[in-house]
N, C-alpha and C. Protein backbone atom coordinates (compact mmCIF):
# COMPACT_ATOMS: atom_id res chain seq x y z
N UNK A 1 -20.68 18.05 10.98
CA UNK A 1 -20.74 16.86 10.16
C UNK A 1 -21.10 17.26 8.73
N UNK A 2 -20.36 16.71 7.78
CA UNK A 2 -20.65 16.93 6.37
C UNK A 2 -21.66 15.89 5.92
N UNK A 3 -22.72 16.29 5.24
CA UNK A 3 -23.71 15.29 4.80
C UNK A 3 -23.05 14.27 3.87
N UNK A 4 -23.44 13.00 3.98
CA UNK A 4 -22.86 11.98 3.10
C UNK A 4 -23.24 12.23 1.65
N UNK A 5 -22.38 11.78 0.76
CA UNK A 5 -22.66 11.90 -0.68
C UNK A 5 -22.27 10.60 -1.36
N UNK A 6 -22.95 10.29 -2.45
CA UNK A 6 -22.64 9.09 -3.25
C UNK A 6 -22.05 9.54 -4.58
N UNK A 7 -20.90 8.95 -4.91
CA UNK A 7 -20.19 9.30 -6.14
C UNK A 7 -19.93 8.04 -6.95
N UNK A 8 -20.00 8.16 -8.26
CA UNK A 8 -19.73 7.03 -9.15
C UNK A 8 -18.31 7.12 -9.69
N UNK A 9 -17.62 5.98 -9.70
CA UNK A 9 -16.30 5.92 -10.32
C UNK A 9 -16.46 5.53 -11.77
N UNK A 10 -15.54 6.01 -12.60
CA UNK A 10 -15.57 5.74 -14.04
C UNK A 10 -14.40 4.84 -14.41
N UNK A 11 -14.65 3.94 -15.32
CA UNK A 11 -13.61 3.06 -15.85
C UNK A 11 -12.67 3.88 -16.73
N UNK A 12 -11.37 3.69 -16.55
CA UNK A 12 -10.39 4.39 -17.41
C UNK A 12 -10.65 3.99 -18.85
N UNK A 13 -10.60 4.93 -19.80
CA UNK A 13 -10.93 4.62 -21.19
C UNK A 13 -10.05 3.55 -21.84
N UNK A 14 -8.84 3.34 -21.32
CA UNK A 14 -7.96 2.31 -21.88
C UNK A 14 -8.08 0.98 -21.13
N UNK A 15 -8.99 0.89 -20.16
CA UNK A 15 -9.17 -0.34 -19.37
C UNK A 15 -10.37 -1.12 -19.89
N UNK A 16 -10.30 -2.42 -19.70
CA UNK A 16 -11.42 -3.31 -19.95
C UNK A 16 -11.74 -4.02 -18.66
N UNK A 17 -13.03 -4.24 -18.41
CA UNK A 17 -13.42 -4.99 -17.22
C UNK A 17 -14.71 -5.73 -17.54
N UNK A 18 -14.63 -7.04 -17.63
CA UNK A 18 -15.80 -7.85 -17.93
C UNK A 18 -16.63 -8.13 -16.68
N UNK A 19 -16.01 -8.09 -15.51
CA UNK A 19 -16.69 -8.52 -14.28
C UNK A 19 -17.51 -7.41 -13.61
N UNK A 20 -17.10 -6.16 -13.74
CA UNK A 20 -17.72 -5.07 -12.97
C UNK A 20 -18.54 -4.18 -13.89
N UNK A 21 -19.76 -3.87 -13.45
CA UNK A 21 -20.62 -2.97 -14.21
C UNK A 21 -20.67 -1.57 -13.60
N UNK A 22 -20.39 -1.47 -12.28
CA UNK A 22 -20.50 -0.16 -11.62
C UNK A 22 -19.71 -0.20 -10.31
N UNK A 23 -19.12 0.95 -9.98
CA UNK A 23 -18.51 1.15 -8.66
C UNK A 23 -18.97 2.52 -8.16
N UNK A 24 -19.52 2.53 -6.95
CA UNK A 24 -19.93 3.77 -6.31
C UNK A 24 -19.26 3.87 -4.95
N UNK A 25 -19.10 5.12 -4.49
CA UNK A 25 -18.49 5.36 -3.19
C UNK A 25 -19.37 6.34 -2.42
N UNK A 26 -19.76 5.93 -1.22
CA UNK A 26 -20.43 6.84 -0.30
C UNK A 26 -19.34 7.48 0.56
N UNK A 27 -19.35 8.81 0.63
CA UNK A 27 -18.34 9.57 1.36
C UNK A 27 -19.02 10.30 2.51
N UNK A 28 -18.47 10.17 3.69
CA UNK A 28 -18.98 10.91 4.85
C UNK A 28 -17.80 11.42 5.67
N UNK A 29 -17.98 12.60 6.21
CA UNK A 29 -17.00 13.21 7.13
C UNK A 29 -17.75 13.50 8.44
N UNK A 30 -17.93 12.46 9.27
CA UNK A 30 -18.77 12.63 10.45
C UNK A 30 -18.20 13.57 11.51
N UNK A 31 -16.89 13.70 11.55
CA UNK A 31 -16.22 14.61 12.48
C UNK A 31 -15.04 15.24 11.75
N UNK A 32 -14.44 16.24 12.36
CA UNK A 32 -13.42 17.04 11.70
C UNK A 32 -12.25 16.24 11.15
N UNK A 33 -11.76 15.24 11.86
CA UNK A 33 -10.60 14.47 11.38
C UNK A 33 -11.01 13.04 11.04
N UNK A 34 -12.24 12.86 10.62
CA UNK A 34 -12.74 11.53 10.28
C UNK A 34 -13.18 11.48 8.83
N UNK A 35 -13.05 10.31 8.25
CA UNK A 35 -13.51 10.08 6.89
C UNK A 35 -13.99 8.64 6.82
N UNK A 36 -15.20 8.45 6.31
CA UNK A 36 -15.76 7.11 6.13
C UNK A 36 -16.09 6.95 4.65
N UNK A 37 -15.51 5.91 4.06
CA UNK A 37 -15.69 5.63 2.64
C UNK A 37 -16.31 4.24 2.50
N UNK A 38 -17.41 4.17 1.77
CA UNK A 38 -18.08 2.88 1.54
C UNK A 38 -18.11 2.64 0.04
N UNK A 39 -17.26 1.74 -0.43
CA UNK A 39 -17.16 1.39 -1.84
C UNK A 39 -18.13 0.24 -2.12
N UNK A 40 -18.89 0.35 -3.21
CA UNK A 40 -19.82 -0.73 -3.59
C UNK A 40 -19.54 -1.09 -5.04
N UNK A 41 -19.17 -2.34 -5.24
CA UNK A 41 -18.87 -2.87 -6.58
C UNK A 41 -20.04 -3.75 -6.99
N UNK A 42 -20.57 -3.50 -8.19
CA UNK A 42 -21.66 -4.30 -8.73
C UNK A 42 -21.15 -5.05 -9.95
N UNK A 43 -21.50 -6.32 -10.03
CA UNK A 43 -21.09 -7.14 -11.17
C UNK A 43 -21.00 -8.60 -10.78
N UNK A 44 -20.17 -9.33 -11.50
CA UNK A 44 -19.95 -10.75 -11.20
C UNK A 44 -18.78 -10.85 -10.22
N UNK A 45 -19.09 -10.83 -8.95
CA UNK A 45 -18.07 -10.74 -7.91
C UNK A 45 -17.19 -12.00 -7.91
N UNK A 46 -17.73 -13.14 -8.28
CA UNK A 46 -16.93 -14.36 -8.35
C UNK A 46 -15.82 -14.29 -9.37
N UNK A 47 -15.87 -13.33 -10.30
CA UNK A 47 -14.84 -13.16 -11.31
C UNK A 47 -13.74 -12.19 -10.87
N UNK A 48 -13.83 -11.72 -9.61
CA UNK A 48 -12.81 -10.80 -9.09
C UNK A 48 -11.80 -11.58 -8.25
N UNK A 49 -10.57 -11.15 -8.32
CA UNK A 49 -9.53 -11.73 -7.45
C UNK A 49 -9.55 -10.92 -6.15
N UNK A 50 -10.11 -11.54 -5.13
CA UNK A 50 -10.22 -10.92 -3.81
C UNK A 50 -9.42 -11.76 -2.82
N UNK A 51 -8.41 -11.19 -2.20
CA UNK A 51 -7.61 -11.97 -1.24
C UNK A 51 -8.44 -12.31 -0.01
N UNK A 52 -8.08 -13.38 0.68
CA UNK A 52 -8.81 -13.72 1.90
C UNK A 52 -8.56 -12.68 2.99
N UNK A 53 -9.53 -12.54 3.88
CA UNK A 53 -9.42 -11.60 4.99
C UNK A 53 -8.34 -12.10 5.96
N UNK A 54 -7.51 -11.16 6.40
CA UNK A 54 -6.44 -11.46 7.36
C UNK A 54 -6.58 -10.48 8.53
N UNK A 55 -5.68 -10.55 9.46
CA UNK A 55 -5.65 -9.56 10.55
C UNK A 55 -5.29 -8.20 9.96
N UNK A 56 -5.99 -7.14 10.36
CA UNK A 56 -5.66 -5.81 9.84
C UNK A 56 -4.22 -5.44 10.17
N UNK A 57 -3.51 -4.92 9.19
CA UNK A 57 -2.13 -4.49 9.40
C UNK A 57 -1.74 -3.54 8.26
N UNK A 58 -0.73 -2.74 8.53
CA UNK A 58 -0.16 -1.86 7.51
C UNK A 58 0.66 -2.71 6.54
N UNK A 59 0.56 -2.43 5.24
CA UNK A 59 1.31 -3.18 4.22
C UNK A 59 1.54 -2.29 3.01
N UNK A 60 2.57 -2.57 2.25
CA UNK A 60 2.89 -1.80 1.05
C UNK A 60 2.45 -2.54 -0.21
N UNK A 61 2.39 -1.80 -1.30
CA UNK A 61 2.10 -2.29 -2.65
C UNK A 61 0.75 -3.00 -2.76
N UNK A 62 -0.22 -2.55 -2.00
CA UNK A 62 -1.56 -3.12 -2.08
C UNK A 62 -2.21 -2.84 -3.43
N UNK A 63 -1.82 -1.76 -4.08
CA UNK A 63 -2.39 -1.36 -5.36
C UNK A 63 -2.06 -2.34 -6.49
N UNK A 64 -1.19 -3.28 -6.27
CA UNK A 64 -0.84 -4.26 -7.31
C UNK A 64 -1.96 -5.26 -7.57
N UNK A 65 -2.95 -5.31 -6.66
CA UNK A 65 -4.09 -6.21 -6.80
C UNK A 65 -5.36 -5.43 -6.50
N UNK A 66 -6.48 -6.08 -6.37
CA UNK A 66 -7.71 -5.36 -6.06
C UNK A 66 -7.48 -4.50 -4.83
N UNK A 67 -7.76 -3.21 -4.97
CA UNK A 67 -7.47 -2.26 -3.91
C UNK A 67 -8.38 -1.05 -4.06
N UNK A 68 -8.85 -0.54 -2.95
CA UNK A 68 -9.69 0.64 -2.93
C UNK A 68 -8.83 1.77 -2.37
N UNK A 69 -8.88 2.94 -3.02
CA UNK A 69 -7.94 4.00 -2.69
C UNK A 69 -8.66 5.32 -2.46
N UNK A 70 -8.02 6.14 -1.63
CA UNK A 70 -8.48 7.51 -1.42
C UNK A 70 -7.26 8.40 -1.33
N UNK A 71 -7.36 9.54 -1.96
CA UNK A 71 -6.31 10.56 -1.91
C UNK A 71 -6.95 11.79 -1.28
N UNK A 72 -6.32 12.33 -0.25
CA UNK A 72 -6.88 13.46 0.50
C UNK A 72 -5.86 14.59 0.49
N UNK A 73 -6.26 15.73 -0.08
CA UNK A 73 -5.40 16.92 -0.10
C UNK A 73 -6.07 18.01 0.74
N UNK A 74 -5.49 18.33 1.91
CA UNK A 74 -6.01 19.47 2.67
C UNK A 74 -5.74 20.76 1.88
N UNK A 75 -6.73 21.66 1.86
CA UNK A 75 -6.59 22.91 1.12
C UNK A 75 -6.32 24.06 2.08
N UNK A 76 -5.54 25.05 1.68
CA UNK A 76 -4.77 25.10 0.45
C UNK A 76 -3.50 24.27 0.57
N UNK A 77 -2.83 24.05 -0.54
CA UNK A 77 -1.55 23.36 -0.51
C UNK A 77 -1.48 22.24 -1.52
N UNK A 78 -0.28 21.71 -1.68
CA UNK A 78 -0.01 20.64 -2.63
C UNK A 78 0.21 19.29 -1.96
N UNK A 79 0.45 19.28 -0.65
CA UNK A 79 0.68 18.02 0.06
C UNK A 79 -0.60 17.21 0.10
N UNK A 80 -0.47 15.89 0.08
CA UNK A 80 -1.65 15.04 0.14
C UNK A 80 -1.31 13.69 0.74
N UNK A 81 -2.36 12.99 1.14
CA UNK A 81 -2.26 11.64 1.68
C UNK A 81 -2.82 10.65 0.67
N UNK A 82 -2.25 9.46 0.66
CA UNK A 82 -2.77 8.35 -0.12
C UNK A 82 -3.12 7.23 0.85
N UNK A 83 -4.33 6.69 0.71
CA UNK A 83 -4.78 5.57 1.53
C UNK A 83 -5.11 4.40 0.61
N UNK A 84 -4.67 3.22 0.99
CA UNK A 84 -4.98 1.98 0.26
C UNK A 84 -5.70 1.05 1.22
N UNK A 85 -6.81 0.48 0.76
CA UNK A 85 -7.60 -0.45 1.55
C UNK A 85 -7.79 -1.73 0.75
N UNK A 86 -7.25 -2.82 1.24
CA UNK A 86 -7.36 -4.09 0.53
C UNK A 86 -8.53 -4.91 1.09
N UNK A 87 -9.14 -5.74 0.24
CA UNK A 87 -10.20 -6.63 0.72
C UNK A 87 -9.73 -7.55 1.85
N UNK A 88 -8.44 -7.78 1.95
CA UNK A 88 -7.89 -8.62 3.02
C UNK A 88 -7.93 -7.92 4.39
N UNK A 89 -8.20 -6.64 4.42
CA UNK A 89 -8.17 -5.68 5.55
C UNK A 89 -6.77 -5.14 5.81
N UNK A 90 -5.80 -5.47 4.95
CA UNK A 90 -4.51 -4.78 5.00
C UNK A 90 -4.74 -3.35 4.52
N UNK A 91 -3.93 -2.42 4.98
CA UNK A 91 -4.10 -1.02 4.62
C UNK A 91 -2.75 -0.32 4.57
N UNK A 92 -2.75 0.85 3.95
CA UNK A 92 -1.54 1.66 3.88
C UNK A 92 -1.93 3.14 3.92
N UNK A 93 -1.01 3.96 4.40
CA UNK A 93 -1.20 5.41 4.41
C UNK A 93 0.15 6.06 4.14
N UNK A 94 0.16 6.93 3.15
CA UNK A 94 1.39 7.63 2.74
C UNK A 94 1.10 9.12 2.69
N UNK A 95 2.15 9.92 2.81
CA UNK A 95 2.05 11.36 2.66
C UNK A 95 3.01 11.77 1.55
N UNK A 96 2.59 12.72 0.74
CA UNK A 96 3.40 13.28 -0.35
C UNK A 96 3.47 14.79 -0.15
N UNK A 97 4.63 15.37 -0.43
CA UNK A 97 4.78 16.82 -0.35
C UNK A 97 4.08 17.53 -1.52
N UNK A 98 4.10 16.88 -2.68
CA UNK A 98 3.44 17.38 -3.88
C UNK A 98 3.33 16.19 -4.84
N UNK A 99 2.89 16.43 -6.06
CA UNK A 99 2.63 15.36 -7.01
C UNK A 99 3.77 14.35 -7.07
N UNK A 100 3.52 13.15 -6.54
CA UNK A 100 4.46 12.02 -6.53
C UNK A 100 5.85 12.37 -5.99
N UNK A 101 5.92 13.38 -5.13
CA UNK A 101 7.21 13.84 -4.60
C UNK A 101 7.20 13.81 -3.07
N UNK A 102 8.31 13.39 -2.49
CA UNK A 102 8.45 13.39 -1.04
C UNK A 102 7.61 12.32 -0.34
N UNK A 103 7.43 11.19 -0.98
CA UNK A 103 6.61 10.12 -0.40
C UNK A 103 7.24 9.57 0.87
N UNK A 104 6.39 9.37 1.88
CA UNK A 104 6.82 8.74 3.12
C UNK A 104 5.60 8.06 3.75
N UNK A 105 5.87 7.08 4.59
CA UNK A 105 4.79 6.44 5.33
C UNK A 105 4.21 7.48 6.28
N UNK A 106 2.90 7.59 6.30
CA UNK A 106 2.21 8.57 7.15
C UNK A 106 2.02 7.96 8.54
N UNK A 107 3.08 8.01 9.35
CA UNK A 107 3.03 7.39 10.68
C UNK A 107 2.05 8.09 11.61
N UNK A 108 1.67 9.32 11.29
CA UNK A 108 0.70 10.04 12.11
C UNK A 108 -0.73 9.54 11.89
N UNK A 109 -0.92 8.72 10.89
CA UNK A 109 -2.24 8.18 10.57
C UNK A 109 -2.43 6.86 11.31
N UNK A 110 -3.51 6.78 12.07
CA UNK A 110 -3.82 5.56 12.81
C UNK A 110 -4.42 4.50 11.90
N UNK A 111 -4.58 3.33 12.45
CA UNK A 111 -5.10 2.19 11.70
C UNK A 111 -6.48 2.48 11.12
N UNK A 112 -6.69 2.04 9.90
CA UNK A 112 -8.00 2.13 9.26
C UNK A 112 -8.83 0.93 9.71
N UNK A 113 -10.11 1.18 9.96
CA UNK A 113 -11.02 0.07 10.22
C UNK A 113 -11.66 -0.30 8.89
N UNK A 114 -11.52 -1.56 8.52
CA UNK A 114 -12.03 -2.02 7.22
C UNK A 114 -12.98 -3.19 7.46
N UNK A 115 -14.13 -3.11 6.82
CA UNK A 115 -15.11 -4.21 6.88
C UNK A 115 -15.59 -4.46 5.46
N UNK A 116 -15.82 -5.72 5.13
CA UNK A 116 -16.27 -6.06 3.78
C UNK A 116 -17.41 -7.06 3.84
N UNK A 117 -18.26 -6.97 2.82
CA UNK A 117 -19.36 -7.91 2.64
C UNK A 117 -19.38 -8.30 1.17
N UNK A 118 -19.57 -9.59 0.92
CA UNK A 118 -19.57 -10.07 -0.46
C UNK A 118 -20.81 -10.90 -0.73
N UNK A 119 -21.38 -10.70 -1.91
CA UNK A 119 -22.50 -11.47 -2.42
C UNK A 119 -22.21 -11.73 -3.90
N UNK A 120 -22.94 -12.61 -4.57
CA UNK A 120 -22.62 -12.92 -5.96
C UNK A 120 -22.58 -11.71 -6.91
N UNK A 121 -23.40 -10.69 -6.66
CA UNK A 121 -23.45 -9.54 -7.57
C UNK A 121 -23.10 -8.21 -6.92
N UNK A 122 -22.62 -8.27 -5.67
CA UNK A 122 -22.32 -7.03 -4.96
C UNK A 122 -21.20 -7.27 -3.95
N UNK A 123 -20.22 -6.38 -3.97
CA UNK A 123 -19.14 -6.42 -2.99
C UNK A 123 -19.06 -5.03 -2.37
N UNK A 124 -19.01 -4.96 -1.05
CA UNK A 124 -18.94 -3.67 -0.37
C UNK A 124 -17.75 -3.67 0.59
N UNK A 125 -16.99 -2.59 0.56
CA UNK A 125 -15.88 -2.39 1.49
C UNK A 125 -16.06 -1.03 2.13
N UNK A 126 -16.03 -1.03 3.46
CA UNK A 126 -16.16 0.22 4.22
C UNK A 126 -14.85 0.46 4.96
N UNK A 127 -14.28 1.63 4.76
CA UNK A 127 -13.03 2.01 5.42
C UNK A 127 -13.28 3.26 6.24
N UNK A 128 -12.88 3.21 7.49
CA UNK A 128 -13.08 4.34 8.40
C UNK A 128 -11.74 4.84 8.92
N UNK A 129 -11.52 6.12 8.75
CA UNK A 129 -10.37 6.81 9.33
C UNK A 129 -10.94 7.73 10.39
N UNK A 130 -10.56 7.52 11.63
CA UNK A 130 -11.16 8.28 12.72
C UNK A 130 -10.08 8.87 13.60
N UNK A 131 -10.10 10.20 13.72
CA UNK A 131 -9.09 10.91 14.51
C UNK A 131 -7.70 10.43 14.12
N UNK A 132 -7.49 10.39 12.83
CA UNK A 132 -6.34 9.70 12.28
C UNK A 132 -5.12 10.56 12.01
N UNK A 133 -5.10 11.78 12.42
CA UNK A 133 -3.96 12.62 12.12
C UNK A 133 -4.21 13.52 10.93
N UNK A 134 -5.38 13.39 10.29
CA UNK A 134 -5.72 14.28 9.18
C UNK A 134 -5.99 15.68 9.72
N UNK A 135 -5.65 16.71 8.95
CA UNK A 135 -5.93 18.08 9.39
C UNK A 135 -7.43 18.27 9.65
N UNK A 136 -7.76 18.86 10.79
CA UNK A 136 -9.15 18.98 11.21
C UNK A 136 -9.87 20.17 10.60
N UNK A 137 -9.22 21.28 10.48
CA UNK A 137 -9.92 22.52 10.14
C UNK A 137 -9.74 22.92 8.68
N UNK A 138 -9.47 21.97 7.83
CA UNK A 138 -9.22 22.28 6.42
C UNK A 138 -10.32 21.73 5.53
N UNK A 139 -10.51 22.39 4.40
CA UNK A 139 -11.29 21.77 3.32
C UNK A 139 -10.41 20.68 2.75
N UNK A 140 -11.02 19.64 2.23
CA UNK A 140 -10.27 18.53 1.63
C UNK A 140 -10.70 18.35 0.19
N UNK A 141 -9.73 18.13 -0.70
CA UNK A 141 -10.00 17.65 -2.06
C UNK A 141 -9.75 16.15 -2.03
N UNK A 142 -10.67 15.39 -2.57
CA UNK A 142 -10.55 13.93 -2.57
C UNK A 142 -10.40 13.39 -3.98
N UNK A 143 -9.56 12.40 -4.10
CA UNK A 143 -9.49 11.56 -5.28
C UNK A 143 -9.85 10.16 -4.83
N UNK A 144 -10.87 9.58 -5.41
CA UNK A 144 -11.32 8.23 -5.04
C UNK A 144 -11.10 7.32 -6.23
N UNK A 145 -10.57 6.14 -5.96
CA UNK A 145 -10.23 5.24 -7.07
C UNK A 145 -10.22 3.80 -6.60
N UNK A 146 -10.18 2.91 -7.58
CA UNK A 146 -10.15 1.48 -7.31
C UNK A 146 -9.37 0.78 -8.41
N UNK A 147 -8.55 -0.16 -8.00
CA UNK A 147 -7.91 -1.08 -8.93
C UNK A 147 -8.68 -2.40 -8.79
N UNK A 148 -9.17 -2.90 -9.89
CA UNK A 148 -9.91 -4.18 -9.88
C UNK A 148 -9.07 -5.21 -10.63
N UNK A 149 -8.82 -6.34 -9.97
CA UNK A 149 -8.13 -7.44 -10.63
C UNK A 149 -9.12 -8.59 -10.79
N UNK A 150 -9.29 -9.02 -12.03
CA UNK A 150 -10.17 -10.15 -12.32
C UNK A 150 -9.39 -11.46 -12.15
N UNK A 151 -10.11 -12.56 -12.01
CA UNK A 151 -9.45 -13.86 -11.83
C UNK A 151 -8.57 -14.21 -13.02
N UNK A 152 -8.82 -13.61 -14.17
CA UNK A 152 -7.98 -13.82 -15.35
C UNK A 152 -6.63 -13.12 -15.23
N UNK A 153 -6.50 -12.23 -14.23
CA UNK A 153 -5.29 -11.43 -14.06
C UNK A 153 -5.40 -10.03 -14.66
N UNK A 154 -6.44 -9.79 -15.47
CA UNK A 154 -6.62 -8.46 -16.07
C UNK A 154 -6.97 -7.45 -14.98
N UNK A 155 -6.38 -6.26 -15.08
CA UNK A 155 -6.65 -5.18 -14.13
C UNK A 155 -7.36 -4.04 -14.84
N UNK A 156 -8.24 -3.40 -14.10
CA UNK A 156 -8.90 -2.20 -14.61
C UNK A 156 -8.78 -1.11 -13.54
N UNK A 157 -8.90 0.13 -14.00
CA UNK A 157 -8.64 1.29 -13.15
C UNK A 157 -9.85 2.21 -13.18
N UNK A 158 -10.38 2.50 -12.02
CA UNK A 158 -11.60 3.27 -11.86
C UNK A 158 -11.30 4.50 -11.00
N UNK A 159 -11.88 5.65 -11.34
CA UNK A 159 -11.69 6.87 -10.55
C UNK A 159 -12.86 7.81 -10.79
N UNK A 160 -12.96 8.83 -9.94
CA UNK A 160 -14.00 9.84 -10.13
C UNK A 160 -13.87 10.48 -11.50
N UNK A 161 -12.64 10.77 -11.87
CA UNK A 161 -12.33 11.29 -13.20
C UNK A 161 -10.89 10.88 -13.49
N UNK A 162 -10.54 10.87 -14.75
CA UNK A 162 -9.19 10.45 -15.14
C UNK A 162 -8.49 11.59 -15.87
N UNK A 163 -7.20 11.71 -15.59
CA UNK A 163 -6.36 12.65 -16.33
C UNK A 163 -6.07 12.03 -17.71
N UNK A 164 -5.69 12.83 -18.69
CA UNK A 164 -5.33 12.26 -20.00
C UNK A 164 -4.15 11.29 -19.86
N UNK A 165 -4.12 10.28 -20.72
CA UNK A 165 -3.01 9.34 -20.73
C UNK A 165 -3.28 8.11 -19.88
N UNK A 166 -2.20 7.49 -19.44
CA UNK A 166 -2.28 6.27 -18.64
C UNK A 166 -2.95 6.57 -17.29
N UNK A 167 -3.52 5.54 -16.63
CA UNK A 167 -4.11 5.77 -15.32
C UNK A 167 -3.08 6.36 -14.35
N UNK A 168 -3.47 7.44 -13.67
CA UNK A 168 -2.59 8.11 -12.72
C UNK A 168 -3.45 8.76 -11.65
N UNK A 169 -3.72 8.00 -10.60
CA UNK A 169 -4.61 8.48 -9.54
C UNK A 169 -4.01 9.64 -8.75
N UNK A 170 -2.71 9.87 -8.85
CA UNK A 170 -2.06 10.97 -8.13
C UNK A 170 -2.24 12.31 -8.84
N UNK A 171 -2.62 12.29 -10.10
CA UNK A 171 -2.74 13.52 -10.89
C UNK A 171 -3.80 14.43 -10.29
N UNK A 172 -3.54 15.73 -10.28
CA UNK A 172 -4.46 16.69 -9.66
C UNK A 172 -5.86 16.64 -10.27
N UNK A 173 -5.99 16.27 -11.54
CA UNK A 173 -7.32 16.15 -12.17
C UNK A 173 -8.20 15.13 -11.45
N UNK A 174 -7.57 14.15 -10.82
CA UNK A 174 -8.32 13.07 -10.16
C UNK A 174 -8.88 13.49 -8.80
N UNK A 175 -8.41 14.60 -8.25
CA UNK A 175 -8.93 15.10 -6.97
C UNK A 175 -10.22 15.88 -7.28
N UNK A 176 -11.27 15.16 -7.59
CA UNK A 176 -12.47 15.76 -8.19
C UNK A 176 -13.59 16.03 -7.21
N UNK A 177 -13.39 15.77 -5.94
CA UNK A 177 -14.45 15.99 -4.95
C UNK A 177 -13.91 16.89 -3.85
N UNK A 178 -14.70 17.87 -3.47
CA UNK A 178 -14.27 18.75 -2.38
C UNK A 178 -15.21 18.60 -1.19
N UNK A 179 -14.61 18.43 -0.02
CA UNK A 179 -15.38 18.40 1.23
C UNK A 179 -15.07 19.67 1.98
N UNK A 180 -16.10 20.36 2.48
CA UNK A 180 -15.85 21.58 3.25
C UNK A 180 -15.17 21.25 4.58
N UNK A 181 -14.61 22.27 5.18
CA UNK A 181 -14.03 22.09 6.52
C UNK A 181 -15.14 21.63 7.45
N UNK A 182 -14.81 20.69 8.31
CA UNK A 182 -15.80 20.15 9.23
C UNK A 182 -15.77 20.92 10.54
N UNK A 183 -16.85 20.82 11.27
CA UNK A 183 -16.92 21.43 12.60
C UNK A 183 -16.03 20.67 13.56
N UNK A 184 -15.73 21.25 14.66
CA UNK A 184 -14.94 20.58 15.69
C UNK A 184 -15.67 19.33 16.16
N UNK A 185 -14.91 18.33 16.68
CA UNK A 185 -15.53 17.06 17.10
C UNK A 185 -16.58 17.22 18.17
């Protein structure tokens, strides 16, 4: 088991966000092919556009609205996974051969378990990937990010770090966290 860590996301320098003051992510790798991400948003939660909770299901284009994301690159190599977790509990998983190339639905990835809690000044979303088809014996580079949509329609982009230019969570600079290889389950 990898000890849990808390990481802060940074607002993209070209983004504005009046509703959110801070986003943090707790990262844990409790077993070799498991990943648990707990996103905590602090601010005026009533000013965020959060879709109603629905039955969990796979869906595309979740990043167009408030969405919590994780990018996982097993090391060594250029291939990576993209995970999208919506407040509605819809989710997505994609695999890329390299930077924005060879995208396909990651059918080997099982359903994400998503739970959310909301209060006036705090929103928390926990996403669990368990025995999900992720490589077990590899170190992982992680890119953690969030798209926040305010009720005004304005969007802001948050990540561990940002590459120069427009927001691009797929850029290798954004894979700013490394998790060591985990022990067998």
